[in-house]
Amino acid sequence: MKDLISGFFILWEGSVRIGDVVEVAGVAGLVEAIELRTIKLRDLSGNLHVVPNGVIDKVKNLTKDYSYYLFDIGVAYRENVDEVMGVLQEIAEGLRRDSRFADDILEPLEMLGVDQFTDSAVILKCRIKTEPAKQWRVGREMNRRIKNTFDAKGIEIPFPHQTSYWGEPKKGTPPPS
């Protein structure tokens, strides 16, 4: 009975539609069917998840009305972050002018700024607003262009590394054996 009542409210409120990408009850996927007792989701690997409506206590709809792709871009501490943010804006504008992606992008790149200082990188945060369910396609292409452009311009994308320092012996004492 709980599944039926919950199913009725899911259908009535319209919070989920067939074709949306949602996360419910710890499962994420493309909504293939909404029934009175269950929601059927297909995940990225092709697995079909049948979720009883009665266990759904919240719905995260990743594709309702519009979507965002969020970027956390790490650059080396030696880089001028204002220049890098300008390069990111240029890359995003090139993507918006590309006829293969122009219809998917709703607004220019939103530069949120310097977000974090980590052990090996300064993290810049930005996002791009897209048509529903197009954020992953646009984000992957933007990431490809960022990598290629950063390589061409010599902008370092750091990776964690460790330096070993053996120290120097104290004057007048033999080095360790």
N, C-alpha and C. Protein backbone atom coordinates (compact mmCIF):
# COMPACT_ATOMS: atom_id res chain seq x y z
N MET A 1 0.82 -1.19 0.00
CA MET A 1 0.00 0.00 0.00
C MET A 1 0.87 1.26 0.00
N LYS A 2 1.97 1.21 0.77
CA LYS A 2 2.88 2.35 0.85
C LYS A 2 3.47 2.67 -0.52
N ASP A 3 3.83 1.62 -1.29
CA ASP A 3 4.38 1.82 -2.63
C ASP A 3 3.37 2.52 -3.53
N LEU A 4 2.09 2.13 -3.44
CA LEU A 4 1.05 2.74 -4.27
C LEU A 4 0.83 4.21 -3.94
N ILE A 5 0.77 4.50 -2.66
CA ILE A 5 0.55 5.90 -2.24
C ILE A 5 1.74 6.76 -2.65
N SER A 6 2.94 6.27 -2.40
CA SER A 6 4.13 7.02 -2.81
C SER A 6 4.18 7.18 -4.33
N GLY A 7 3.84 6.14 -5.05
CA GLY A 7 3.81 6.20 -6.51
C GLY A 7 2.83 7.22 -7.03
N PHE A 8 1.66 7.28 -6.39
CA PHE A 8 0.67 8.27 -6.78
C PHE A 8 1.23 9.69 -6.64
N PHE A 9 1.89 9.97 -5.51
CA PHE A 9 2.41 11.32 -5.29
C PHE A 9 3.59 11.63 -6.22
N ILE A 10 4.40 10.65 -6.53
CA ILE A 10 5.50 10.87 -7.49
C ILE A 10 4.93 11.25 -8.85
N LEU A 11 3.90 10.54 -9.28
CA LEU A 11 3.27 10.85 -10.57
C LEU A 11 2.55 12.20 -10.53
N TRP A 12 1.82 12.46 -9.46
CA TRP A 12 1.04 13.68 -9.34
C TRP A 12 1.91 14.93 -9.28
N GLU A 13 3.02 14.87 -8.52
CA GLU A 13 3.89 16.04 -8.36
C GLU A 13 4.75 16.30 -9.59
N GLY A 14 4.98 15.28 -10.40
CA GLY A 14 5.78 15.47 -11.61
C GLY A 14 7.25 15.74 -11.35
N SER A 15 7.75 15.28 -10.22
CA SER A 15 9.16 15.53 -9.90
C SER A 15 10.10 14.65 -10.72
N VAL A 16 9.56 13.60 -11.29
CA VAL A 16 10.34 12.67 -12.10
C VAL A 16 9.57 12.38 -13.38
N ARG A 17 10.28 12.37 -14.51
CA ARG A 17 9.67 12.04 -15.79
C ARG A 17 10.49 10.93 -16.45
N ILE A 18 9.87 10.23 -17.34
CA ILE A 18 10.61 9.25 -18.14
C ILE A 18 11.64 10.03 -18.96
N GLY A 19 12.86 9.55 -18.95
CA GLY A 19 13.95 10.23 -19.65
C GLY A 19 14.83 11.07 -18.74
N ASP A 20 14.37 11.36 -17.51
CA ASP A 20 15.21 12.08 -16.55
C ASP A 20 16.30 11.17 -16.02
N VAL A 21 17.38 11.77 -15.57
CA VAL A 21 18.41 11.04 -14.84
C VAL A 21 18.25 11.43 -13.39
N VAL A 22 17.99 10.44 -12.54
CA VAL A 22 17.70 10.70 -11.14
C VAL A 22 18.50 9.79 -10.24
N GLU A 23 18.51 10.19 -8.97
CA GLU A 23 19.05 9.34 -7.91
C GLU A 23 17.96 9.18 -6.88
N VAL A 24 17.58 7.93 -6.63
CA VAL A 24 16.56 7.60 -5.62
C VAL A 24 17.03 6.38 -4.86
N ALA A 25 16.81 6.38 -3.57
CA ALA A 25 17.12 5.22 -2.72
C ALA A 25 18.54 4.70 -2.96
N GLY A 26 19.48 5.62 -3.16
CA GLY A 26 20.88 5.24 -3.35
C GLY A 26 21.22 4.69 -4.72
N VAL A 27 20.29 4.78 -5.67
CA VAL A 27 20.50 4.27 -7.03
C VAL A 27 20.33 5.43 -8.01
N ALA A 28 21.23 5.51 -8.98
CA ALA A 28 21.13 6.57 -9.99
C ALA A 28 21.02 5.94 -11.36
N GLY A 29 20.23 6.60 -12.22
CA GLY A 29 20.11 6.12 -13.58
C GLY A 29 19.05 6.88 -14.36
N LEU A 30 18.89 6.49 -15.62
CA LEU A 30 17.90 7.06 -16.52
C LEU A 30 16.55 6.42 -16.23
N VAL A 31 15.53 7.25 -16.03
CA VAL A 31 14.19 6.74 -15.73
C VAL A 31 13.60 6.14 -17.00
N GLU A 32 13.33 4.84 -16.96
CA GLU A 32 12.71 4.15 -18.10
C GLU A 32 11.21 3.96 -17.91
N ALA A 33 10.78 3.86 -16.65
CA ALA A 33 9.35 3.66 -16.39
C ALA A 33 9.03 4.18 -14.99
N ILE A 34 7.84 4.78 -14.88
CA ILE A 34 7.30 5.20 -13.59
C ILE A 34 5.95 4.53 -13.46
N GLU A 35 5.85 3.66 -12.49
CA GLU A 35 4.61 2.92 -12.29
C GLU A 35 4.09 3.22 -10.90
N LEU A 36 2.89 2.78 -10.60
CA LEU A 36 2.31 3.06 -9.29
C LEU A 36 3.11 2.44 -8.15
N ARG A 37 3.75 1.30 -8.39
CA ARG A 37 4.51 0.65 -7.32
C ARG A 37 6.01 0.83 -7.41
N THR A 38 6.55 1.08 -8.61
CA THR A 38 8.00 1.11 -8.78
C THR A 38 8.44 2.19 -9.78
N ILE A 39 9.72 2.51 -9.69
CA ILE A 39 10.41 3.31 -10.72
C ILE A 39 11.53 2.42 -11.24
N LYS A 40 11.67 2.38 -12.57
CA LYS A 40 12.72 1.57 -13.20
C LYS A 40 13.79 2.51 -13.74
N LEU A 41 15.02 2.29 -13.28
CA LEU A 41 16.16 3.11 -13.67
C LEU A 41 17.21 2.26 -14.37
N ARG A 42 17.79 2.78 -15.43
CA ARG A 42 18.88 2.10 -16.14
C ARG A 42 20.17 2.89 -15.85
N ASP A 43 21.17 2.24 -15.23
CA ASP A 43 22.41 2.94 -14.90
C ASP A 43 23.35 2.97 -16.10
N LEU A 44 24.48 3.65 -15.94
CA LEU A 44 25.42 3.84 -17.04
C LEU A 44 25.99 2.54 -17.57
N SER A 45 26.05 1.53 -16.73
CA SER A 45 26.55 0.21 -17.15
C SER A 45 25.49 -0.63 -17.84
N GLY A 46 24.26 -0.12 -17.89
CA GLY A 46 23.17 -0.85 -18.54
C GLY A 46 22.34 -1.69 -17.60
N ASN A 47 22.64 -1.64 -16.31
CA ASN A 47 21.87 -2.41 -15.33
C ASN A 47 20.53 -1.74 -15.08
N LEU A 48 19.48 -2.55 -15.00
CA LEU A 48 18.14 -2.05 -14.70
C LEU A 48 17.89 -2.20 -13.21
N HIS A 49 17.53 -1.09 -12.56
CA HIS A 49 17.20 -1.10 -11.13
C HIS A 49 15.71 -0.84 -11.00
N VAL A 50 15.04 -1.70 -10.26
CA VAL A 50 13.62 -1.54 -9.99
C VAL A 50 13.50 -1.13 -8.52
N VAL A 51 13.06 0.11 -8.30
CA VAL A 51 13.02 0.68 -6.95
C VAL A 51 11.57 0.80 -6.51
N PRO A 52 11.20 0.15 -5.42
CA PRO A 52 9.84 0.31 -4.91
C PRO A 52 9.61 1.75 -4.46
N ASN A 53 8.50 2.33 -4.85
CA ASN A 53 8.21 3.72 -4.52
C ASN A 53 8.17 3.97 -3.01
N GLY A 54 7.82 2.97 -2.25
CA GLY A 54 7.70 3.13 -0.80
C GLY A 54 9.03 3.37 -0.10
N VAL A 55 10.16 3.05 -0.73
CA VAL A 55 11.46 3.28 -0.09
C VAL A 55 12.07 4.62 -0.50
N ILE A 56 11.40 5.33 -1.39
CA ILE A 56 11.94 6.61 -1.87
C ILE A 56 11.57 7.70 -0.87
N ASP A 57 12.59 8.24 -0.19
CA ASP A 57 12.31 9.33 0.75
C ASP A 57 12.77 10.67 0.19
N LYS A 58 13.61 10.66 -0.85
CA LYS A 58 13.96 11.88 -1.55
C LYS A 58 14.40 11.54 -2.96
N VAL A 59 14.26 12.52 -3.84
CA VAL A 59 14.60 12.35 -5.25
C VAL A 59 15.59 13.44 -5.63
N LYS A 60 16.70 13.03 -6.22
CA LYS A 60 17.65 13.99 -6.80
C LYS A 60 17.52 13.87 -8.30
N ASN A 61 16.96 14.91 -8.92
CA ASN A 61 16.76 14.91 -10.36
C ASN A 61 17.91 15.71 -10.98
N LEU A 62 18.78 15.02 -11.73
CA LEU A 62 19.96 15.64 -12.31
C LEU A 62 19.68 16.34 -13.64
N THR A 63 18.46 16.22 -14.14
CA THR A 63 18.17 16.74 -15.48
C THR A 63 16.84 17.49 -15.56
N LYS A 64 16.36 18.02 -14.49
CA LYS A 64 15.09 18.76 -14.48
C LYS A 64 15.33 20.20 -14.96
N ASP A 65 14.72 20.58 -16.05
CA ASP A 65 14.75 21.93 -16.61
C ASP A 65 16.10 22.31 -17.24
N TYR A 66 17.19 22.15 -16.52
CA TYR A 66 18.54 22.43 -17.02
C TYR A 66 19.53 21.66 -16.16
N SER A 67 20.79 21.68 -16.56
CA SER A 67 21.83 20.99 -15.81
C SER A 67 23.07 21.88 -15.74
N TYR A 68 23.95 21.57 -14.81
CA TYR A 68 25.26 22.22 -14.73
C TYR A 68 26.34 21.13 -14.76
N TYR A 69 27.45 21.45 -15.41
CA TYR A 69 28.65 20.63 -15.25
C TYR A 69 29.59 21.46 -14.40
N LEU A 70 30.02 20.90 -13.29
CA LEU A 70 30.89 21.59 -12.34
C LEU A 70 32.33 21.15 -12.56
N PHE A 71 33.22 22.13 -12.68
CA PHE A 71 34.65 21.86 -12.89
C PHE A 71 35.43 22.24 -11.65
N ASP A 72 36.30 21.35 -11.20
CA ASP A 72 37.31 21.64 -10.20
C ASP A 72 38.64 21.42 -10.91
N ILE A 73 39.29 22.52 -11.29
CA ILE A 73 40.49 22.44 -12.12
C ILE A 73 41.70 22.80 -11.28
N GLY A 74 42.62 21.85 -11.15
CA GLY A 74 43.83 22.08 -10.39
C GLY A 74 44.95 22.60 -11.27
N VAL A 75 45.59 23.68 -10.82
CA VAL A 75 46.76 24.21 -11.51
C VAL A 75 47.88 24.38 -10.49
N ALA A 76 49.11 24.42 -11.00
CA ALA A 76 50.27 24.55 -10.13
C ALA A 76 50.26 25.90 -9.43
N TYR A 77 50.89 25.95 -8.26
CA TYR A 77 50.97 27.19 -7.50
C TYR A 77 51.71 28.28 -8.26
N ARG A 78 52.58 27.91 -9.16
CA ARG A 78 53.37 28.89 -9.90
C ARG A 78 52.55 29.62 -10.97
N GLU A 79 51.37 29.10 -11.31
CA GLU A 79 50.55 29.69 -12.36
C GLU A 79 49.84 30.95 -11.86
N ASN A 80 49.64 31.91 -12.75
CA ASN A 80 48.86 33.11 -12.44
C ASN A 80 47.39 32.73 -12.62
N VAL A 81 46.65 32.68 -11.52
CA VAL A 81 45.28 32.18 -11.59
C VAL A 81 44.37 33.08 -12.42
N ASP A 82 44.63 34.38 -12.44
CA ASP A 82 43.81 35.27 -13.27
C ASP A 82 44.00 34.94 -14.74
N GLU A 83 45.23 34.68 -15.15
CA GLU A 83 45.49 34.30 -16.54
C GLU A 83 44.83 32.96 -16.87
N VAL A 84 44.94 32.00 -15.96
CA VAL A 84 44.34 30.68 -16.20
C VAL A 84 42.82 30.80 -16.31
N MET A 85 42.21 31.62 -15.46
CA MET A 85 40.76 31.80 -15.54
C MET A 85 40.37 32.43 -16.88
N GLY A 86 41.20 33.33 -17.38
CA GLY A 86 40.95 33.89 -18.70
C GLY A 86 41.04 32.85 -19.80
N VAL A 87 42.03 31.96 -19.69
CA VAL A 87 42.17 30.87 -20.67
C VAL A 87 40.94 29.96 -20.62
N LEU A 88 40.46 29.67 -19.43
CA LEU A 88 39.26 28.83 -19.30
C LEU A 88 38.05 29.49 -19.95
N GLN A 89 37.91 30.80 -19.78
CA GLN A 89 36.81 31.52 -20.42
C GLN A 89 36.93 31.42 -21.95
N GLU A 90 38.15 31.55 -22.47
CA GLU A 90 38.36 31.44 -23.92
C GLU A 90 38.00 30.05 -24.44
N ILE A 91 38.42 29.03 -23.69
CA ILE A 91 38.10 27.66 -24.09
C ILE A 91 36.59 27.46 -24.14
N ALA A 92 35.90 27.94 -23.10
CA ALA A 92 34.44 27.78 -23.03
C ALA A 92 33.75 28.53 -24.16
N GLU A 93 34.24 29.71 -24.50
CA GLU A 93 33.63 30.47 -25.60
C GLU A 93 33.83 29.74 -26.93
N GLY A 94 35.00 29.14 -27.12
CA GLY A 94 35.23 28.34 -28.32
C GLY A 94 34.27 27.17 -28.40
N LEU A 95 34.01 26.55 -27.26
CA LEU A 95 33.06 25.44 -27.20
C LEU A 95 31.64 25.91 -27.54
N ARG A 96 31.26 27.09 -27.03
CA ARG A 96 29.92 27.64 -27.33
C ARG A 96 29.76 27.97 -28.81
N ARG A 97 30.85 28.33 -29.48
CA ARG A 97 30.78 28.66 -30.90
C ARG A 97 30.82 27.41 -31.79
N ASP A 98 31.17 26.27 -31.22
CA ASP A 98 31.24 25.02 -31.98
C ASP A 98 29.82 24.54 -32.26
N SER A 99 29.47 24.38 -33.51
CA SER A 99 28.10 24.01 -33.88
C SER A 99 27.67 22.67 -33.29
N ARG A 100 28.62 21.80 -32.97
CA ARG A 100 28.27 20.51 -32.38
C ARG A 100 27.81 20.63 -30.93
N PHE A 101 28.12 21.76 -30.26
CA PHE A 101 27.80 21.92 -28.85
C PHE A 101 26.96 23.15 -28.55
N ALA A 102 26.86 24.07 -29.49
CA ALA A 102 26.20 25.36 -29.25
C ALA A 102 24.78 25.22 -28.72
N ASP A 103 24.00 24.30 -29.27
CA ASP A 103 22.61 24.14 -28.83
C ASP A 103 22.49 23.53 -27.44
N ASP A 104 23.56 22.89 -26.97
CA ASP A 104 23.54 22.24 -25.66
C ASP A 104 23.86 23.20 -24.52
N ILE A 105 24.53 24.32 -24.82
CA ILE A 105 25.02 25.23 -23.80
C ILE A 105 24.07 26.42 -23.68
N LEU A 106 23.55 26.64 -22.46
CA LEU A 106 22.55 27.68 -22.24
C LEU A 106 23.14 29.03 -21.84
N GLU A 107 24.29 29.02 -21.17
CA GLU A 107 24.90 30.27 -20.69
C GLU A 107 26.42 30.16 -20.76
N PRO A 108 27.10 31.30 -20.77
CA PRO A 108 28.58 31.27 -20.75
C PRO A 108 29.09 30.60 -19.47
N LEU A 109 30.35 30.20 -19.53
CA LEU A 109 31.00 29.61 -18.36
C LEU A 109 30.91 30.58 -17.19
N GLU A 110 30.52 30.09 -16.04
CA GLU A 110 30.47 30.90 -14.82
C GLU A 110 31.71 30.59 -14.00
N MET A 111 32.59 31.57 -13.88
CA MET A 111 33.83 31.39 -13.13
C MET A 111 33.55 31.69 -11.66
N LEU A 112 33.62 30.68 -10.83
CA LEU A 112 33.34 30.85 -9.40
C LEU A 112 34.59 31.28 -8.64
N GLY A 113 35.79 31.03 -9.21
CA GLY A 113 37.03 31.54 -8.62
C GLY A 113 37.90 30.48 -7.99
N VAL A 114 38.86 30.97 -7.19
CA VAL A 114 39.79 30.09 -6.49
C VAL A 114 39.02 29.45 -5.34
N ASP A 115 38.95 28.12 -5.35
CA ASP A 115 38.12 27.41 -4.39
C ASP A 115 38.93 26.80 -3.25
N GLN A 116 40.11 26.27 -3.56
CA GLN A 116 40.88 25.56 -2.53
C GLN A 116 42.38 25.68 -2.80
N PHE A 117 43.14 25.50 -1.73
CA PHE A 117 44.58 25.33 -1.82
C PHE A 117 44.87 23.93 -1.30
N THR A 118 45.26 23.02 -2.19
CA THR A 118 45.56 21.65 -1.77
C THR A 118 47.07 21.47 -1.70
N ASP A 119 47.51 20.27 -1.37
CA ASP A 119 48.94 20.00 -1.23
C ASP A 119 49.73 20.32 -2.49
N SER A 120 49.16 20.03 -3.65
CA SER A 120 49.93 20.20 -4.87
C SER A 120 49.26 21.10 -5.91
N ALA A 121 48.12 21.70 -5.58
CA ALA A 121 47.41 22.48 -6.61
C ALA A 121 46.54 23.59 -6.00
N VAL A 122 46.32 24.61 -6.81
CA VAL A 122 45.30 25.61 -6.54
C VAL A 122 44.08 25.16 -7.35
N ILE A 123 42.94 25.04 -6.70
CA ILE A 123 41.74 24.53 -7.36
C ILE A 123 40.86 25.70 -7.77
N LEU A 124 40.58 25.77 -9.08
CA LEU A 124 39.67 26.77 -9.62
C LEU A 124 38.33 26.08 -9.85
N LYS A 125 37.26 26.76 -9.46
CA LYS A 125 35.92 26.18 -9.62
C LYS A 125 35.13 27.04 -10.60
N CYS A 126 34.47 26.35 -11.54
CA CYS A 126 33.59 27.02 -12.50
C CYS A 126 32.53 26.02 -12.92
N ARG A 127 31.52 26.53 -13.60
CA ARG A 127 30.46 25.64 -14.05
C ARG A 127 29.87 26.18 -15.35
N ILE A 128 29.24 25.25 -16.07
CA ILE A 128 28.61 25.62 -17.33
C ILE A 128 27.19 25.06 -17.33
N LYS A 129 26.24 25.91 -17.71
CA LYS A 129 24.82 25.54 -17.70
C LYS A 129 24.45 24.97 -19.07
N THR A 130 23.78 23.82 -19.04
CA THR A 130 23.45 23.11 -20.27
C THR A 130 21.98 22.72 -20.31
N GLU A 131 21.58 22.27 -21.48
CA GLU A 131 20.28 21.62 -21.61
C GLU A 131 20.28 20.39 -20.70
N PRO A 132 19.09 19.94 -20.26
CA PRO A 132 19.03 18.76 -19.41
C PRO A 132 19.74 17.56 -20.05
N ALA A 133 20.54 16.87 -19.24
CA ALA A 133 21.25 15.64 -19.62
C ALA A 133 22.38 15.87 -20.61
N LYS A 134 22.71 17.11 -20.93
CA LYS A 134 23.82 17.40 -21.84
C LYS A 134 25.09 17.79 -21.08
N GLN A 135 25.01 17.91 -19.76
CA GLN A 135 26.16 18.37 -18.98
C GLN A 135 27.36 17.44 -19.10
N TRP A 136 27.14 16.15 -19.19
CA TRP A 136 28.26 15.21 -19.25
C TRP A 136 28.96 15.29 -20.60
N ARG A 137 28.20 15.39 -21.65
CA ARG A 137 28.76 15.52 -23.00
C ARG A 137 29.58 16.80 -23.13
N VAL A 138 28.99 17.91 -22.69
CA VAL A 138 29.68 19.20 -22.75
C VAL A 138 30.90 19.19 -21.83
N GLY A 139 30.75 18.65 -20.63
CA GLY A 139 31.85 18.61 -19.67
C GLY A 139 33.03 17.80 -20.17
N ARG A 140 32.77 16.66 -20.79
CA ARG A 140 33.87 15.83 -21.31
C ARG A 140 34.62 16.56 -22.42
N GLU A 141 33.89 17.23 -23.29
CA GLU A 141 34.54 17.97 -24.37
C GLU A 141 35.33 19.16 -23.81
N MET A 142 34.77 19.84 -22.84
CA MET A 142 35.48 20.96 -22.20
C MET A 142 36.75 20.46 -21.53
N ASN A 143 36.68 19.34 -20.84
CA ASN A 143 37.88 18.77 -20.20
C ASN A 143 38.94 18.42 -21.23
N ARG A 144 38.53 17.86 -22.36
CA ARG A 144 39.48 17.53 -23.43
C ARG A 144 40.17 18.80 -23.93
N ARG A 145 39.39 19.84 -24.13
CA ARG A 145 39.94 21.10 -24.62
C ARG A 145 40.84 21.77 -23.58
N ILE A 146 40.47 21.67 -22.32
CA ILE A 146 41.31 22.22 -21.25
C ILE A 146 42.68 21.54 -21.26
N LYS A 147 42.68 20.23 -21.31
CA LYS A 147 43.95 19.49 -21.30
C LYS A 147 44.81 19.88 -22.49
N ASN A 148 44.24 19.88 -23.68
CA ASN A 148 45.01 20.22 -24.88
C ASN A 148 45.52 21.65 -24.84
N THR A 149 44.68 22.58 -24.40
CA THR A 149 45.07 23.99 -24.35
C THR A 149 46.13 24.22 -23.28
N PHE A 150 45.96 23.63 -22.11
CA PHE A 150 46.95 23.78 -21.05
C PHE A 150 48.30 23.21 -21.51
N ASP A 151 48.29 22.07 -22.18
CA ASP A 151 49.54 21.51 -22.70
C ASP A 151 50.19 22.48 -23.69
N ALA A 152 49.41 23.03 -24.60
CA ALA A 152 49.94 23.93 -25.63
C ALA A 152 50.48 25.22 -25.02
N LYS A 153 49.87 25.70 -23.95
CA LYS A 153 50.28 26.97 -23.33
C LYS A 153 51.26 26.78 -22.18
N GLY A 154 51.59 25.54 -21.87
CA GLY A 154 52.53 25.28 -20.78
C GLY A 154 51.96 25.53 -19.40
N ILE A 155 50.64 25.44 -19.26
CA ILE A 155 50.00 25.58 -17.94
C ILE A 155 50.04 24.22 -17.27
N GLU A 156 50.64 24.18 -16.10
CA GLU A 156 50.85 22.90 -15.42
C GLU A 156 49.61 22.44 -14.67
N ILE A 157 49.20 21.22 -15.00
CA ILE A 157 48.18 20.52 -14.22
C ILE A 157 48.97 19.60 -13.29
N PRO A 158 49.08 19.96 -12.02
CA PRO A 158 49.95 19.19 -11.14
C PRO A 158 49.34 17.85 -10.74
N PHE A 159 50.19 17.01 -10.26
CA PHE A 159 49.77 15.74 -9.71
C PHE A 159 50.54 15.55 -8.42
N PRO A 160 49.98 14.84 -7.48
CA PRO A 160 50.69 14.64 -6.21
C PRO A 160 52.01 13.92 -6.43
N HIS A 161 53.05 14.41 -5.80
CA HIS A 161 54.34 13.74 -5.85
C HIS A 161 55.04 13.93 -4.51
N GLN A 162 56.02 13.11 -4.28
CA GLN A 162 56.71 13.12 -3.01
C GLN A 162 58.21 13.18 -3.25
N THR A 163 58.89 14.03 -2.51
CA THR A 163 60.34 14.16 -2.61
C THR A 163 60.95 13.55 -1.36
N SER A 164 61.95 12.72 -1.55
CA SER A 164 62.66 12.14 -0.41
C SER A 164 63.92 12.96 -0.15
N TYR A 165 64.12 13.33 1.09
CA TYR A 165 65.28 14.10 1.49
C TYR A 165 66.01 13.31 2.56
N TRP A 166 67.25 12.95 2.27
CA TRP A 166 68.01 12.12 3.19
C TRP A 166 68.74 12.95 4.23
N GLY A 167 68.74 14.25 4.09
CA GLY A 167 69.41 15.12 5.04
C GLY A 167 70.90 15.17 4.78
N GLU A 168 71.58 16.02 5.53
CA GLU A 168 73.03 16.12 5.42
C GLU A 168 73.62 15.79 6.77
N PRO A 169 74.77 15.11 6.76
CA PRO A 169 75.38 14.79 8.05
C PRO A 169 75.88 16.07 8.75
N LYS A 170 75.87 16.02 10.06
CA LYS A 170 76.35 17.13 10.85
C LYS A 170 77.86 17.25 10.67
N LYS A 171 78.39 18.43 10.66
CA LYS A 171 79.83 18.63 10.47
C LYS A 171 80.59 17.92 11.58
N GLY A 172 81.61 17.22 11.16
CA GLY A 172 82.45 16.51 12.13
C GLY A 172 81.96 15.13 12.49
N THR A 173 80.82 14.72 11.96
CA THR A 173 80.34 13.37 12.24
C THR A 173 80.27 12.59 10.93
N PRO A 174 80.54 11.32 10.99
CA PRO A 174 80.49 10.53 9.77
C PRO A 174 79.04 10.39 9.29
N PRO A 175 78.85 10.27 7.96
CA PRO A 175 77.49 10.04 7.45
C PRO A 175 76.97 8.69 7.94
N PRO A 176 75.69 8.53 7.99
CA PRO A 176 75.14 7.26 8.42
C PRO A 176 75.56 6.16 7.44
N SER A 177 75.72 4.98 7.97
CA SER A 177 76.14 3.87 7.11
C SER A 177 75.01 2.99 6.70
